[in-house]
Amino acid sequence: MRYEHLTGKAPHHGNRRERGVLFTSTSPYFEMDIYRVVFALLILAYACYSDIRKRSVSNIMWLIMVGVSIAFAVYFTVVQSMSFLIPLILSITITGAVSYIFFRLGLFGAADAKALICIAVLFTTQPRFIILSHQFPLFDTSVPVVFPFALIVLLNASVLALAVPVSLFFRNLHSLGLKEFMRNTTLCIVAYRANIDGLRSDRFARLTHTYEEIDGQLTRRYSLGGIPLNSDTVQRLKAYHREEKVAAEVWVTPELPFILFIALGFLVCCLLGV
């Protein structure tokens, strides 16, 4: 919804800039959009930093985010009444259900689910604002109320995450050669080969196969979720290699925190509207 549609007149961008105002909203109903966007970006940026550094995000961050989100929700409910409350309920319910299902299926972690739920409380619809006389999002797209903004963020995050298998595809095609690549086509989009002697404990990678020794015979099986590449796993693989029970290279799957893609997906939604 554009400013002129709500007020009957176009915004005076030039006057706003002369008064030194760099950020503003496109309507009285969304006058706090820029503050909500900046706040969400700060929380998501810290969550990315924490997940990369410690592989965990403190619940305090999500409590702060949901607390501020509730404050905004109360304000908008008072201002807009049922026209805001119904989309809010739908946003929380639908996003919460999808996040829980994805979490239970192991498609992403608890921090990712909490981030999406917090976004669902903070934003029921697409935020709209002006920065330096430029209106955002750049593309004015409309989606049904039953498809919450948080799910658009999830959709964008999933699309951005496709950069990982695409990069693995070309990396393996270049390093393995066409013949070897064709023999391992499925693995080539989810993993790469790594030399056992060069392996080390890595929080951002998982072993693609499990290795189990039964009656002196070592069996290898594909693991859907992957095996943590910790020091014990690395030492065991090196021992198997010294005993010539495994080849010099094993398949390893990179594991970037999905919260990175959620943060990027949120930024894309705010700036582009898609």
C-alpha atoms as a PDB file:
ATOM      1  CA  MET A   1       0.000   0.000   0.000  1.00  0.00           C
ATOM      2  CA  ARG A   2       1.598   3.257  -1.096  1.00  0.00           C
ATOM      3  CA  TYR A   3       1.564   6.536   0.784  1.00  0.00           C
ATOM      4  CA  GLU A   4      -0.578   8.394  -1.721  1.00  0.00           C
ATOM      5  CA  HIS A   5      -3.229   5.659  -1.588  1.00  0.00           C
ATOM      6  CA  LEU A   6      -3.683   6.209   2.146  1.00  0.00           C
ATOM      7  CA  THR A   7      -3.439   9.972   2.377  1.00  0.00           C
ATOM      8  CA  GLY A   8      -4.631  11.156  -1.018  1.00  0.00           C
ATOM      9  CA  LYS A   9      -1.373  12.972  -1.699  1.00  0.00           C
ATOM     10  CA  ALA A  10       2.136  11.992  -2.653  1.00  0.00           C
ATOM     11  CA  PRO A  11       4.936  12.124  -0.077  1.00  0.00           C
ATOM     12  CA  HIS A  12       7.211  15.181  -0.241  1.00  0.00           C
ATOM     13  CA  HIS A  13      10.556  13.418  -0.381  1.00  0.00           C
ATOM     14  CA  GLY A  14      12.474  16.606  -1.051  1.00  0.00           C
ATOM     15  CA  ASN A  15      11.116  18.365   2.061  1.00  0.00           C
ATOM     16  CA  ARG A  16      11.905  15.345   4.199  1.00  0.00           C
ATOM     17  CA  ARG A  17      15.514  15.315   3.060  1.00  0.00           C
ATOM     18  CA  GLU A  18      15.837  19.046   3.662  1.00  0.00           C
ATOM     19  CA  ARG A  19      14.830  18.485   7.277  1.00  0.00           C
ATOM     20  CA  GLY A  20      17.574  15.823   7.508  1.00  0.00           C
ATOM     21  CA  VAL A  21      15.250  12.834   7.740  1.00  0.00           C
ATOM     22  CA  LEU A  22      16.858   9.879   5.999  1.00  0.00           C
ATOM     23  CA  PHE A  23      14.410   7.166   6.977  1.00  0.00           C
ATOM     24  CA  THR A  24      10.638   7.331   6.965  1.00  0.00           C
ATOM     25  CA  SER A  25       7.634   5.115   6.388  1.00  0.00           C
ATOM     26  CA  THR A  26       5.294   5.144   3.436  1.00  0.00           C
ATOM     27  CA  SER A  27       2.114   5.364   5.541  1.00  0.00           C
ATOM     28  CA  PRO A  28       0.864   6.263   9.021  1.00  0.00           C
ATOM     29  CA  TYR A  29      -0.049   2.598   9.578  1.00  0.00           C
ATOM     30  CA  PHE A  30       3.529   1.509   8.922  1.00  0.00           C
ATOM     31  CA  GLU A  31       5.316   4.502  10.462  1.00  0.00           C
ATOM     32  CA  MET A  32       7.471   2.150  12.535  1.00  0.00           C
ATOM     33  CA  ASP A  33       8.480  -0.169   9.703  1.00  0.00           C
ATOM     34  CA  ILE A  34      12.025   1.142   9.387  1.00  0.00           C
ATOM     35  CA  TYR A  35      12.593   0.712  13.122  1.00  0.00           C
ATOM     36  CA  ARG A  36      11.257  -2.828  13.023  1.00  0.00           C
ATOM     37  CA  VAL A  37      13.436  -3.687  10.026  1.00  0.00           C
ATOM     38  CA  VAL A  38      16.609  -2.286  11.608  1.00  0.00           C
ATOM     39  CA  PHE A  39      15.849  -4.027  14.903  1.00  0.00           C
ATOM     40  CA  ALA A  40      15.251  -7.388  13.190  1.00  0.00           C
ATOM     41  CA  LEU A  41      18.442  -7.040  11.133  1.00  0.00           C
ATOM     42  CA  LEU A  42      20.495  -6.360  14.274  1.00  0.00           C
ATOM     43  CA  ILE A  43      19.112  -9.437  16.017  1.00  0.00           C
ATOM     44  CA  LEU A  44      19.602 -11.650  12.947  1.00  0.00           C
ATOM     45  CA  ALA A  45      23.137 -10.330  12.421  1.00  0.00           C
ATOM     46  CA  TYR A  46      24.082 -11.208  15.993  1.00  0.00           C
ATOM     47  CA  ALA A  47      22.414 -14.615  15.636  1.00  0.00           C
ATOM     48  CA  CYS A  48      24.540 -15.296  12.536  1.00  0.00           C
ATOM     49  CA  TYR A  49      27.693 -14.231  14.376  1.00  0.00           C
ATOM     50  CA  SER A  50      26.843 -16.405  17.379  1.00  0.00           C
ATOM     51  CA  ASP A  51      25.928 -19.433  15.263  1.00  0.00           C
ATOM     52  CA  ILE A  52      29.143 -19.181  13.254  1.00  0.00           C
ATOM     53  CA  ARG A  53      31.335 -18.721  16.311  1.00  0.00           C
ATOM     54  CA  LYS A  54      29.660 -21.063  18.819  1.00  0.00           C
ATOM     55  CA  ARG A  55      27.187 -23.080  16.707  1.00  0.00           C
ATOM     56  CA  SER A  56      24.410 -21.917  19.027  1.00  0.00           C
ATOM     57  CA  VAL A  57      22.262 -18.842  19.607  1.00  0.00           C
ATOM     58  CA  SER A  58      21.256 -17.779  23.107  1.00  0.00           C
ATOM     59  CA  ASN A  59      17.526 -17.892  23.834  1.00  0.00           C
ATOM     60  CA  ILE A  60      17.920 -14.423  25.355  1.00  0.00           C
ATOM     61  CA  MET A  61      18.162 -12.976  21.848  1.00  0.00           C
ATOM     62  CA  TRP A  62      14.870 -14.548  20.799  1.00  0.00           C
ATOM     63  CA  LEU A  63      13.190 -13.471  24.056  1.00  0.00           C
ATOM     64  CA  ILE A  64      14.294  -9.894  23.373  1.00  0.00           C
ATOM     65  CA  MET A  65      13.066 -10.091  19.788  1.00  0.00           C
ATOM     66  CA  VAL A  66       9.699 -11.615  20.643  1.00  0.00           C
ATOM     67  CA  GLY A  67       9.252  -9.156  23.550  1.00  0.00           C
ATOM     68  CA  VAL A  68       9.800  -6.144  21.292  1.00  0.00           C
ATOM     69  CA  SER A  69       7.635  -7.795  18.621  1.00  0.00           C
ATOM     70  CA  ILE A  70       4.769  -8.171  21.087  1.00  0.00           C
ATOM     71  CA  ALA A  71       5.078  -4.482  22.016  1.00  0.00           C
ATOM     72  CA  PHE A  72       4.791  -3.517  18.353  1.00  0.00           C
ATOM     73  CA  ALA A  73       1.889  -5.967  17.927  1.00  0.00           C
ATOM     74  CA  VAL A  74      -0.018  -4.395  20.815  1.00  0.00           C
ATOM     75  CA  TYR A  75       0.506  -0.927  19.325  1.00  0.00           C
ATOM     76  CA  PHE A  76      -0.712  -1.953  15.863  1.00  0.00           C
ATOM     77  CA  THR A  77      -3.667  -3.850  17.334  1.00  0.00           C
ATOM     78  CA  VAL A  78      -4.769  -0.693  19.166  1.00  0.00           C
ATOM     79  CA  VAL A  79      -4.348   1.398  15.997  1.00  0.00           C
ATOM     80  CA  GLN A  80      -5.828  -1.032  13.469  1.00  0.00           C
ATOM     81  CA  SER A  81      -7.926  -3.380  15.595  1.00  0.00           C
ATOM     82  CA  MET A  82      -9.092  -6.575  13.824  1.00  0.00           C
ATOM     83  CA  SER A  83      -7.541  -5.607  10.478  1.00  0.00           C
ATOM     84  CA  PHE A  84      -4.152  -6.227  12.122  1.00  0.00           C
ATOM     85  CA  LEU A  85      -5.082  -8.889  14.696  1.00  0.00           C
ATOM     86  CA  ILE A  86      -6.407 -11.461  12.213  1.00  0.00           C
ATOM     87  CA  PRO A  87      -3.289 -11.383   9.964  1.00  0.00           C
ATOM     88  CA  LEU A  88      -1.158 -11.557  13.137  1.00  0.00           C
ATOM     89  CA  ILE A  89      -2.917 -14.716  14.326  1.00  0.00           C
ATOM     90  CA  LEU A  90      -2.624 -16.292  10.866  1.00  0.00           C
ATOM     91  CA  SER A  91       1.050 -15.303  10.616  1.00  0.00           C
ATOM     92  CA  ILE A  92       1.965 -16.840  13.982  1.00  0.00           C
ATOM     93  CA  THR A  93      -0.145 -19.975  13.503  1.00  0.00           C
ATOM     94  CA  ILE A  94       0.950 -20.833   9.970  1.00  0.00           C
ATOM     95  CA  THR A  95       4.616 -19.936  10.453  1.00  0.00           C
ATOM     96  CA  GLY A  96       4.732 -21.730  13.793  1.00  0.00           C
ATOM     97  CA  ALA A  97       3.266 -24.906  12.284  1.00  0.00           C
ATOM     98  CA  VAL A  98       5.630 -24.887   9.294  1.00  0.00           C
ATOM     99  CA  SER A  99       8.666 -24.143  11.493  1.00  0.00           C
ATOM    100  CA  TYR A 100       7.792 -26.957  13.899  1.00  0.00           C
ATOM    101  CA  ILE A 101       7.352 -29.465  11.068  1.00  0.00           C
ATOM    102  CA  PHE A 102      10.643 -28.458   9.441  1.00  0.00           C
ATOM    103  CA  PHE A 103      12.416 -28.657  12.805  1.00  0.00           C
ATOM    104  CA  ARG A 104      11.015 -32.118  13.565  1.00  0.00           C
ATOM    105  CA  LEU A 105      12.045 -33.320  10.113  1.00  0.00           C
ATOM    106  CA  GLY A 106      15.577 -32.081  10.761  1.00  0.00           C
ATOM    107  CA  LEU A 107      15.488 -29.626   7.861  1.00  0.00           C
ATOM    108  CA  PHE A 108      16.784 -26.823  10.085  1.00  0.00           C
ATOM    109  CA  GLY A 109      17.676 -26.166  13.716  1.00  0.00           C
ATOM    110  CA  ALA A 110      15.860 -24.726  16.705  1.00  0.00           C
ATOM    111  CA  ALA A 111      17.410 -21.270  16.216  1.00  0.00           C
ATOM    112  CA  ASP A 112      16.098 -21.148  12.648  1.00  0.00           C
ATOM    113  CA  ALA A 113      12.578 -22.034  13.796  1.00  0.00           C
ATOM    114  CA  LYS A 114      12.685 -19.409  16.570  1.00  0.00           C
ATOM    115  CA  ALA A 115      13.940 -16.756  14.149  1.00  0.00           C
ATOM    116  CA  LEU A 116      11.050 -17.378  11.746  1.00  0.00           C
ATOM    117  CA  ILE A 117       8.464 -17.324  14.544  1.00  0.00           C
ATOM    118  CA  CYS A 118       9.865 -14.028  15.851  1.00  0.00           C
ATOM    119  CA  ILE A 119       9.704 -12.575  12.333  1.00  0.00           C
ATOM    120  CA  ALA A 120       6.092 -13.796  12.089  1.00  0.00           C
ATOM    121  CA  VAL A 121       5.198 -11.834  15.241  1.00  0.00           C
ATOM    122  CA  LEU A 122       7.133  -8.714  14.211  1.00  0.00           C
ATOM    123  CA  PHE A 123       5.897  -8.606  10.601  1.00  0.00           C
ATOM    124  CA  THR A 124       2.461  -9.803   9.545  1.00  0.00           C
ATOM    125  CA  THR A 125       2.830  -8.186   6.126  1.00  0.00           C
ATOM    126  CA  GLN A 126       5.542  -6.760   3.870  1.00  0.00           C
ATOM    127  CA  PRO A 127       7.293  -3.797   5.559  1.00  0.00           C
ATOM    128  CA  ARG A 128       7.355  -0.585   3.481  1.00  0.00           C
ATOM    129  CA  PHE A 129       9.638   2.375   4.047  1.00  0.00           C
ATOM    130  CA  ILE A 130      11.679   5.104   2.358  1.00  0.00           C
ATOM    131  CA  ILE A 131      15.457   5.541   2.534  1.00  0.00           C
ATOM    132  CA  LEU A 132      16.988   8.673   0.990  1.00  0.00           C
ATOM    133  CA  SER A 133      13.823   9.259  -1.092  1.00  0.00           C
ATOM    134  CA  HIS A 134      13.889   5.673  -2.453  1.00  0.00           C
ATOM    135  CA  GLN A 135      10.830   3.604  -1.646  1.00  0.00           C
ATOM    136  CA  PHE A 136      11.262  -0.008  -0.544  1.00  0.00           C
ATOM    137  CA  PRO A 137      10.539  -2.703  -1.427  1.00  0.00           C
ATOM    138  CA  LEU A 138      11.491  -1.973  -5.014  1.00  0.00           C
ATOM    139  CA  PHE A 139       8.829  -4.330  -6.367  1.00  0.00           C
ATOM    140  CA  ASP A 140       5.300  -3.867  -5.065  1.00  0.00           C
ATOM    141  CA  THR A 141       4.152  -7.480  -4.812  1.00  0.00           C
ATOM    142  CA  SER A 142       0.992  -8.681  -3.119  1.00  0.00           C
ATOM    143  CA  VAL A 143       0.525 -12.083  -1.485  1.00  0.00           C
ATOM    144  CA  PRO A 144      -2.505 -13.609   0.272  1.00  0.00           C
ATOM    145  CA  VAL A 145      -2.783 -13.084   4.022  1.00  0.00           C
ATOM    146  CA  VAL A 146      -2.637 -16.878   4.449  1.00  0.00           C
ATOM    147  CA  PHE A 147       0.947 -16.756   3.103  1.00  0.00           C
ATOM    148  CA  PRO A 148       2.742 -14.837   5.886  1.00  0.00           C
ATOM    149  CA  PHE A 149       5.759 -12.603   5.332  1.00  0.00           C
ATOM    150  CA  ALA A 150       7.885 -14.992   7.423  1.00  0.00           C
ATOM    151  CA  LEU A 151       7.230 -17.788   4.922  1.00  0.00           C
ATOM    152  CA  ILE A 152       8.364 -15.528   2.070  1.00  0.00           C
ATOM    153  CA  VAL A 153      11.579 -15.064   4.072  1.00  0.00           C
ATOM    154  CA  LEU A 154      11.864 -18.860   4.390  1.00  0.00           C
ATOM    155  CA  LEU A 155      11.254 -19.282   0.658  1.00  0.00           C
ATOM    156  CA  ASN A 156      13.963 -16.741  -0.168  1.00  0.00           C
ATOM    157  CA  ALA A 157      16.342 -18.383   2.308  1.00  0.00           C
ATOM    158  CA  SER A 158      15.781 -21.765   0.653  1.00  0.00           C
ATOM    159  CA  VAL A 159      16.465 -20.314  -2.798  1.00  0.00           C
ATOM    160  CA  LEU A 160      19.646 -18.605  -1.574  1.00  0.00           C
ATOM    161  CA  ALA A 161      20.770 -21.841   0.072  1.00  0.00           C
ATOM    162  CA  LEU A 162      20.734 -23.483  -3.365  1.00  0.00           C
ATOM    163  CA  ALA A 163      24.030 -21.684  -3.966  1.00  0.00           C
ATOM    164  CA  VAL A 164      25.705 -24.427  -1.902  1.00  0.00           C
ATOM    165  CA  PRO A 165      24.727 -27.457  -4.056  1.00  0.00           C
ATOM    166  CA  VAL A 166      25.309 -25.436  -7.233  1.00  0.00           C
ATOM    167  CA  SER A 167      28.850 -24.554  -6.135  1.00  0.00           C
ATOM    168  CA  LEU A 168      29.467 -28.187  -5.117  1.00  0.00           C
ATOM    169  CA  PHE A 169      28.245 -29.312  -8.538  1.00  0.00           C
ATOM    170  CA  PHE A 170      30.805 -27.222 -10.396  1.00  0.00           C
ATOM    171  CA  ARG A 171      33.579 -27.902  -7.889  1.00  0.00           C
ATOM    172  CA  ASN A 172      33.168 -31.656  -8.231  1.00  0.00           C
ATOM    173  CA  LEU A 173      32.780 -31.476 -11.996  1.00  0.00           C
ATOM    174  CA  HIS A 174      36.098 -29.631 -12.175  1.00  0.00           C
ATOM    175  CA  SER A 175      38.038 -31.738  -9.646  1.00  0.00           C
ATOM    176  CA  LEU A 176      36.706 -35.239 -10.367  1.00  0.00           C
ATOM    177  CA  GLY A 177      36.431 -35.243 -14.114  1.00  0.00           C
ATOM    178  CA  LEU A 178      33.340 -36.214 -16.102  1.00  0.00           C
ATOM    179  CA  LYS A 179      33.646 -40.007 -15.708  1.00  0.00           C
ATOM    180  CA  GLU A 180      34.030 -39.975 -11.924  1.00  0.00           C
ATOM    181  CA  PHE A 181      31.421 -37.237 -11.650  1.00  0.00           C
ATOM    182  CA  MET A 182      28.828 -39.338 -13.490  1.00  0.00           C
ATOM    183  CA  ARG A 183      29.437 -42.256 -11.122  1.00  0.00           C
ATOM    184  CA  ASN A 184      28.691 -40.058  -8.101  1.00  0.00           C
ATOM    185  CA  THR A 185      26.158 -37.591  -9.477  1.00  0.00           C
ATOM    186  CA  THR A 186      23.925 -37.553  -6.397  1.00  0.00           C
ATOM    187  CA  LEU A 187      26.788 -37.098  -3.975  1.00  0.00           C
ATOM    188  CA  CYS A 188      28.306 -34.356  -6.109  1.00  0.00           C
ATOM    189  CA  ILE A 189      25.519 -31.899  -5.294  1.00  0.00           C
ATOM    190  CA  VAL A 190      25.635 -32.435  -1.510  1.00  0.00           C
ATOM    191  CA  ALA A 191      29.278 -33.198  -0.730  1.00  0.00           C
ATOM    192  CA  TYR A 192      32.896 -33.019  -1.865  1.00  0.00           C
ATOM    193  CA  ARG A 193      35.867 -35.318  -1.530  1.00  0.00           C
ATOM    194  CA  ALA A 194      38.433 -34.551   1.176  1.00  0.00           C
ATOM    195  CA  ASN A 195      41.770 -36.199   1.868  1.00  0.00           C
ATOM    196  CA  ILE A 196      41.731 -38.069   5.178  1.00  0.00           C
ATOM    197  CA  ASP A 197      45.228 -36.900   6.108  1.00  0.00           C
ATOM    198  CA  GLY A 198      44.048 -33.308   5.832  1.00  0.00           C
ATOM    199  CA  LEU A 199      40.859 -33.768   7.857  1.00  0.00           C
ATOM    200  CA  ARG A 200      40.382 -31.987  11.143  1.00  0.00           C
ATOM    201  CA  SER A 201      37.538 -31.306  13.533  1.00  0.00           C
ATOM    202  CA  ASP A 202      35.144 -28.969  11.717  1.00  0.00           C
ATOM    203  CA  ARG A 203      31.906 -27.488  13.054  1.00  0.00           C
ATOM    204  CA  PHE A 204      30.760 -26.598   9.546  1.00  0.00           C
ATOM    205  CA  ALA A 205      31.134 -30.002   7.882  1.00  0.00           C
ATOM    206  CA  ARG A 206      29.750 -33.483   8.356  1.00  0.00           C
ATOM    207  CA  LEU A 207      30.910 -36.881   7.175  1.00  0.00           C
ATOM    208  CA  THR A 208      28.544 -38.125   4.478  1.00  0.00           C
ATOM    209  CA  HIS A 209      28.868 -41.839   5.320  1.00  0.00           C
ATOM    210  CA  THR A 210      29.001 -43.908   8.470  1.00  0.00           C
ATOM    211  CA  TYR A 211      31.814 -46.436   8.822  1.00  0.00           C
ATOM    212  CA  GLU A 212      31.223 -49.489  10.981  1.00  0.00           C
ATOM    213  CA  GLU A 213      33.488 -52.460  11.526  1.00  0.00           C
ATOM    214  CA  ILE A 214      31.680 -55.811  11.826  1.00  0.00           C
ATOM    215  CA  ASP A 215      33.643 -59.065  12.150  1.00  0.00           C
ATOM    216  CA  GLY A 216      36.748 -57.393  10.800  1.00  0.00           C
ATOM    217  CA  GLN A 217      34.918 -56.009   7.761  1.00  0.00           C
ATOM    218  CA  LEU A 218      34.406 -52.276   7.378  1.00  0.00           C
ATOM    219  CA  THR A 219      31.029 -51.289   5.954  1.00  0.00           C
ATOM    220  CA  ARG A 220      30.128 -47.866   4.593  1.00  0.00           C
ATOM    221  CA  ARG A 221      26.572 -46.534   4.579  1.00  0.00           C
ATOM    222  CA  TYR A 222      25.135 -43.219   3.467  1.00  0.00           C
ATOM    223  CA  SER A 223      23.849 -41.104   6.361  1.00  0.00           C
ATOM    224  CA  LEU A 224      20.996 -38.723   5.526  1.00  0.00           C
ATOM    225  CA  GLY A 225      21.832 -36.264   8.294  1.00  0.00           C
ATOM    226  CA  GLY A 226      25.572 -36.790   8.136  1.00  0.00           C
ATOM    227  CA  ILE A 227      28.027 -37.584  10.920  1.00  0.00           C
ATOM    228  CA  PRO A 228      29.634 -34.796  12.982  1.00  0.00           C
ATOM    229  CA  LEU A 229      33.225 -34.317  11.913  1.00  0.00           C
ATOM    230  CA  ASN A 230      34.736 -34.185  15.404  1.00  0.00           C
ATOM    231  CA  SER A 231      38.182 -35.245  16.592  1.00  0.00           C
ATOM    232  CA  ASP A 232      37.071 -38.805  17.443  1.00  0.00           C
ATOM    233  CA  THR A 233      35.631 -39.342  13.962  1.00  0.00           C
ATOM    234  CA  VAL A 234      38.747 -37.928  12.303  1.00  0.00           C
ATOM    235  CA  GLN A 235      41.103 -40.116  14.355  1.00  0.00           C
ATOM    236  CA  ARG A 236      39.033 -43.221  13.612  1.00  0.00           C
ATOM    237  CA  LEU A 237      39.086 -42.504   9.882  1.00  0.00           C
ATOM    238  CA  LYS A 238      42.847 -41.985   9.929  1.00  0.00           C
ATOM    239  CA  ALA A 239      43.255 -45.310  11.738  1.00  0.00           C
ATOM    240  CA  TYR A 240      41.127 -47.070   9.103  1.00  0.00           C
ATOM    241  CA  HIS A 241      43.219 -45.430   6.401  1.00  0.00           C
ATOM    242  CA  ARG A 242      46.489 -46.594   7.973  1.00  0.00           C
ATOM    243  CA  GLU A 243      45.045 -50.112   8.038  1.00  0.00           C
ATOM    244  CA  GLU A 244      44.090 -49.647   4.355  1.00  0.00           C
ATOM    245  CA  LYS A 245      40.423 -50.247   5.091  1.00  0.00           C
ATOM    246  CA  VAL A 246      39.290 -46.993   3.485  1.00  0.00           C
ATOM    247  CA  ALA A 247      40.521 -44.984   0.512  1.00  0.00           C
ATOM    248  CA  ALA A 248      42.606 -41.845   0.873  1.00  0.00           C
ATOM    249  CA  GLU A 249      39.551 -39.620   0.388  1.00  0.00           C
ATOM    250  CA  VAL A 250      36.086 -39.514   1.952  1.00  0.00           C
ATOM    251  CA  TRP A 251      32.922 -37.556   1.111  1.00  0.00           C
ATOM    252  CA  VAL A 252      32.245 -34.533   3.315  1.00  0.00           C
ATOM    253  CA  THR A 253      29.116 -32.342   3.369  1.00  0.00           C
ATOM    254  CA  PRO A 254      29.473 -28.614   4.173  1.00  0.00           C
ATOM    255  CA  GLU A 255      27.052 -27.391   6.825  1.00  0.00           C
ATOM    256  CA  LEU A 256      26.606 -23.630   6.785  1.00  0.00           C
ATOM    257  CA  PRO A 257      24.231 -22.258   9.465  1.00  0.00           C
ATOM    258  CA  PHE A 258      20.813 -21.817   7.845  1.00  0.00           C
ATOM    259  CA  ILE A 259      20.298 -18.683   9.936  1.00  0.00           C
ATOM    260  CA  LEU A 260      22.695 -16.981   7.489  1.00  0.00           C
ATOM    261  CA  PHE A 261      20.286 -17.628   4.639  1.00  0.00           C
ATOM    262  CA  ILE A 262      17.301 -16.547   6.772  1.00  0.00           C
ATOM    263  CA  ALA A 263      19.014 -13.210   7.457  1.00  0.00           C
ATOM    264  CA  LEU A 264      19.816 -12.748   3.766  1.00  0.00           C
ATOM    265  CA  GLY A 265      16.302 -13.844   2.787  1.00  0.00           C
ATOM    266  CA  PHE A 266      14.837 -11.273   5.186  1.00  0.00           C
ATOM    267  CA  LEU A 267      17.028  -8.519   3.711  1.00  0.00           C
ATOM    268  CA  VAL A 268      16.001  -9.480   0.166  1.00  0.00           C
ATOM    269  CA  CYS A 269      12.324  -9.395   1.154  1.00  0.00           C
ATOM    270  CA  CYS A 270      12.667  -5.943   2.695  1.00  0.00           C
ATOM    271  CA  LEU A 271      14.578  -4.425  -0.214  1.00  0.00           C
ATOM    272  CA  LEU A 272      13.053  -6.211  -3.205  1.00  0.00           C
ATOM    273  CA  GLY A 273       9.677  -7.429  -1.930  1.00  0.00           C
ATOM    274  CA  VAL A 274      10.156 -10.898  -3.426  1.00  0.00           C
END
